Amino acid sequence: MASFAGGSIATYLGWRWIFIFSIVFSILSMWLIKDTPESKSESAGGFKFDYTGLMVFIITMLLLNVLITYGSELGWTSL
């Protein structure tokens, strides 16, 4: 959705407007969360990083990129 919005803005208004909208939305979001209290719960124990999840994510993103980039050349999209 973001790439569609960015492409539409760049096509119809010009690429510089993307930065202007980014600034406006950043200021608006900072204003909207200004008085929101933090609701962080207390930590119960030690933190353990999920290396397996990170590897699965990296491999999935890599395979998705290969599918999008080379899918038509490899014949994956032809019936």
N, C-alpha and C. Protein backbone atom coordinates (compact mmCIF):
# COMPACT_ATOMS: atom_id res chain seq x y z
N MET A 1 0.82 -1.19 0.00
CA MET A 1 0.00 0.00 0.00
C MET A 1 0.87 1.27 0.00
N ALA A 2 1.98 1.21 0.73
CA ALA A 2 2.86 2.38 0.81
C ALA A 2 3.51 2.66 -0.52
N SER A 3 3.91 1.61 -1.25
CA SER A 3 4.53 1.84 -2.55
C SER A 3 3.52 2.39 -3.55
N PHE A 4 2.27 1.96 -3.44
CA PHE A 4 1.22 2.50 -4.31
C PHE A 4 0.99 3.98 -4.02
N ALA A 5 0.92 4.32 -2.73
CA ALA A 5 0.72 5.73 -2.37
C ALA A 5 1.92 6.57 -2.80
N GLY A 6 3.13 6.07 -2.55
CA GLY A 6 4.33 6.81 -2.96
C GLY A 6 4.42 6.99 -4.46
N GLY A 7 4.08 5.95 -5.21
CA GLY A 7 4.08 6.05 -6.67
C GLY A 7 3.04 7.02 -7.18
N SER A 8 1.87 7.01 -6.57
CA SER A 8 0.82 7.95 -6.97
C SER A 8 1.21 9.39 -6.70
N ILE A 9 1.78 9.62 -5.52
CA ILE A 9 2.21 10.97 -5.18
C ILE A 9 3.31 11.43 -6.13
N ALA A 10 4.28 10.56 -6.41
CA ALA A 10 5.38 10.94 -7.31
C ALA A 10 4.89 11.18 -8.72
N THR A 11 3.89 10.41 -9.16
CA THR A 11 3.38 10.55 -10.53
C THR A 11 2.56 11.83 -10.70
N TYR A 12 1.69 12.10 -9.75
CA TYR A 12 0.74 13.19 -9.93
C TYR A 12 1.17 14.52 -9.30
N LEU A 13 2.00 14.47 -8.25
CA LEU A 13 2.40 15.70 -7.58
C LEU A 13 3.89 16.00 -7.72
N GLY A 14 4.69 14.98 -7.95
CA GLY A 14 6.14 15.15 -8.01
C GLY A 14 6.79 14.45 -6.83
N TRP A 15 8.02 13.99 -7.04
CA TRP A 15 8.70 13.20 -6.01
C TRP A 15 9.01 13.98 -4.75
N ARG A 16 9.13 15.30 -4.83
CA ARG A 16 9.45 16.09 -3.64
C ARG A 16 8.31 16.10 -2.62
N TRP A 17 7.08 15.88 -3.09
CA TRP A 17 5.93 15.88 -2.20
C TRP A 17 5.95 14.69 -1.24
N ILE A 18 6.64 13.62 -1.60
CA ILE A 18 6.75 12.47 -0.69
C ILE A 18 7.41 12.90 0.62
N PHE A 19 8.46 13.72 0.53
CA PHE A 19 9.15 14.19 1.72
C PHE A 19 8.27 15.15 2.52
N ILE A 20 7.51 15.98 1.84
CA ILE A 20 6.62 16.91 2.53
C ILE A 20 5.55 16.15 3.30
N PHE A 21 4.93 15.14 2.65
CA PHE A 21 3.93 14.31 3.34
C PHE A 21 4.56 13.56 4.51
N SER A 22 5.78 13.11 4.36
CA SER A 22 6.47 12.40 5.44
C SER A 22 6.65 13.31 6.65
N ILE A 23 7.03 14.54 6.42
CA ILE A 23 7.20 15.49 7.52
C ILE A 23 5.86 15.78 8.19
N VAL A 24 4.83 16.00 7.40
CA VAL A 24 3.50 16.31 7.95
C VAL A 24 2.98 15.15 8.79
N PHE A 25 3.08 13.92 8.27
CA PHE A 25 2.59 12.76 9.01
C PHE A 25 3.42 12.49 10.27
N SER A 26 4.70 12.78 10.24
CA SER A 26 5.54 12.60 11.42
C SER A 26 5.14 13.58 12.52
N ILE A 27 4.93 14.82 12.16
CA ILE A 27 4.52 15.83 13.13
C ILE A 27 3.13 15.51 13.68
N LEU A 28 2.22 15.07 12.79
CA LEU A 28 0.87 14.70 13.23
C LEU A 28 0.91 13.52 14.19
N SER A 29 1.72 12.52 13.90
CA SER A 29 1.79 11.35 14.79
C SER A 29 2.42 11.71 16.13
N MET A 30 3.42 12.59 16.14
CA MET A 30 4.01 13.02 17.41
C MET A 30 2.98 13.79 18.24
N TRP A 31 2.17 14.58 17.60
CA TRP A 31 1.13 15.34 18.31
C TRP A 31 0.07 14.40 18.87
N LEU A 32 -0.30 13.35 18.11
CA LEU A 32 -1.34 12.44 18.55
C LEU A 32 -0.91 11.57 19.74
N ILE A 33 0.36 11.24 19.85
CA ILE A 33 0.81 10.41 20.97
C ILE A 33 1.44 11.22 22.10
N LYS A 34 1.28 12.52 22.05
CA LYS A 34 1.94 13.42 23.01
C LYS A 34 1.62 13.06 24.46
N ASP A 35 0.37 12.90 24.82
CA ASP A 35 -0.02 12.69 26.22
C ASP A 35 -0.39 11.24 26.52
N THR A 36 0.00 10.32 25.68
CA THR A 36 -0.31 8.92 25.89
C THR A 36 0.65 8.35 26.93
N PRO A 37 0.11 7.76 28.00
CA PRO A 37 1.00 7.21 29.03
C PRO A 37 1.65 5.92 28.54
N GLU A 38 2.86 5.68 29.02
CA GLU A 38 3.56 4.46 28.65
C GLU A 38 3.00 3.31 29.46
N SER A 39 2.71 2.20 28.80
CA SER A 39 2.11 1.05 29.49
C SER A 39 3.02 -0.17 29.38
N LYS A 40 4.26 0.02 29.70
CA LYS A 40 5.23 -1.06 29.63
C LYS A 40 5.14 -1.89 30.90
N SER A 41 5.02 -3.21 30.73
CA SER A 41 4.95 -4.08 31.89
C SER A 41 6.36 -4.40 32.39
N GLU A 42 6.45 -4.79 33.61
CA GLU A 42 7.73 -5.13 34.21
C GLU A 42 8.25 -6.43 33.62
N SER A 43 9.54 -6.51 33.41
CA SER A 43 10.16 -7.71 32.87
C SER A 43 10.26 -8.78 33.94
N ALA A 44 9.90 -10.01 33.55
CA ALA A 44 9.88 -11.11 34.52
C ALA A 44 11.22 -11.84 34.58
N GLY A 45 12.00 -11.76 33.51
CA GLY A 45 13.24 -12.52 33.53
C GLY A 45 14.22 -11.99 32.50
N GLY A 46 15.18 -12.82 32.18
CA GLY A 46 16.20 -12.43 31.22
C GLY A 46 15.66 -12.44 29.80
N PHE A 47 16.34 -11.72 28.95
CA PHE A 47 15.94 -11.62 27.54
C PHE A 47 16.78 -12.57 26.71
N LYS A 48 16.12 -13.37 25.88
CA LYS A 48 16.84 -14.28 24.99
C LYS A 48 16.43 -13.96 23.56
N PHE A 49 17.40 -13.62 22.73
CA PHE A 49 17.12 -13.25 21.35
C PHE A 49 16.75 -14.49 20.54
N ASP A 50 15.78 -14.35 19.64
CA ASP A 50 15.28 -15.46 18.83
C ASP A 50 16.06 -15.53 17.51
N TYR A 51 17.20 -16.22 17.53
CA TYR A 51 18.03 -16.35 16.34
C TYR A 51 17.35 -17.21 15.27
N THR A 52 16.61 -18.22 15.68
CA THR A 52 15.90 -19.06 14.72
C THR A 52 14.85 -18.25 13.96
N GLY A 53 14.11 -17.44 14.67
CA GLY A 53 13.12 -16.59 14.02
C GLY A 53 13.74 -15.59 13.08
N LEU A 54 14.90 -15.06 13.46
CA LEU A 54 15.62 -14.12 12.60
C LEU A 54 16.06 -14.81 11.31
N MET A 55 16.58 -16.02 11.41
CA MET A 55 17.02 -16.76 10.22
C MET A 55 15.85 -17.10 9.30
N VAL A 56 14.72 -17.51 9.89
CA VAL A 56 13.53 -17.81 9.09
C VAL A 56 13.05 -16.55 8.37
N PHE A 57 13.07 -15.42 9.05
CA PHE A 57 12.66 -14.16 8.44
C PHE A 57 13.58 -13.77 7.29
N ILE A 58 14.90 -13.88 7.49
CA ILE A 58 15.87 -13.51 6.45
C ILE A 58 15.70 -14.41 5.22
N ILE A 59 15.57 -15.71 5.43
CA ILE A 59 15.40 -16.64 4.31
C ILE A 59 14.09 -16.38 3.58
N THR A 60 13.01 -16.12 4.32
CA THR A 60 11.73 -15.82 3.69
C THR A 60 11.80 -14.56 2.85
N MET A 61 12.43 -13.51 3.36
CA MET A 61 12.54 -12.27 2.60
C MET A 61 13.42 -12.46 1.36
N LEU A 62 14.48 -13.24 1.49
CA LEU A 62 15.35 -13.52 0.35
C LEU A 62 14.60 -14.29 -0.74
N LEU A 63 13.86 -15.33 -0.35
CA LEU A 63 13.11 -16.11 -1.32
C LEU A 63 11.99 -15.30 -1.97
N LEU A 64 11.35 -14.44 -1.20
CA LEU A 64 10.32 -13.57 -1.76
C LEU A 64 10.91 -12.60 -2.77
N ASN A 65 12.10 -12.07 -2.47
CA ASN A 65 12.78 -11.17 -3.39
C ASN A 65 13.16 -11.90 -4.68
N VAL A 66 13.66 -13.14 -4.57
CA VAL A 66 14.00 -13.93 -5.76
C VAL A 66 12.75 -14.21 -6.58
N LEU A 67 11.65 -14.55 -5.93
CA LEU A 67 10.39 -14.81 -6.63
C LEU A 67 9.92 -13.58 -7.39
N ILE A 68 9.97 -12.43 -6.77
CA ILE A 68 9.50 -11.21 -7.43
C ILE A 68 10.45 -10.80 -8.56
N THR A 69 11.74 -10.93 -8.33
CA THR A 69 12.72 -10.46 -9.30
C THR A 69 12.90 -11.40 -10.48
N TYR A 70 13.02 -12.69 -10.21
CA TYR A 70 13.36 -13.66 -11.26
C TYR A 70 12.25 -14.66 -11.55
N GLY A 71 11.08 -14.49 -10.97
CA GLY A 71 10.01 -15.46 -11.14
C GLY A 71 9.59 -15.69 -12.58
N SER A 72 9.46 -14.64 -13.35
CA SER A 72 9.03 -14.80 -14.74
C SER A 72 10.12 -15.44 -15.59
N GLU A 73 11.39 -15.16 -15.29
CA GLU A 73 12.49 -15.76 -16.04
C GLU A 73 12.63 -17.25 -15.73
N LEU A 74 12.36 -17.62 -14.50
CA LEU A 74 12.49 -19.02 -14.11
C LEU A 74 11.26 -19.84 -14.46
N GLY A 75 10.19 -19.18 -14.90
CA GLY A 75 8.98 -19.89 -15.32
C GLY A 75 8.01 -20.20 -14.21
N TRP A 76 8.17 -19.59 -13.05
CA TRP A 76 7.29 -19.89 -11.92
C TRP A 76 5.90 -19.29 -12.10
N THR A 77 5.78 -18.28 -12.95
CA THR A 77 4.48 -17.63 -13.12
C THR A 77 3.72 -18.12 -14.33
N SER A 78 4.32 -18.97 -15.15
CA SER A 78 3.62 -19.47 -16.34
C SER A 78 2.93 -20.79 -16.02
N LEU A 79 1.72 -20.94 -16.53
CA LEU A 79 0.99 -22.17 -16.29
C LEU A 79 1.47 -23.26 -17.23
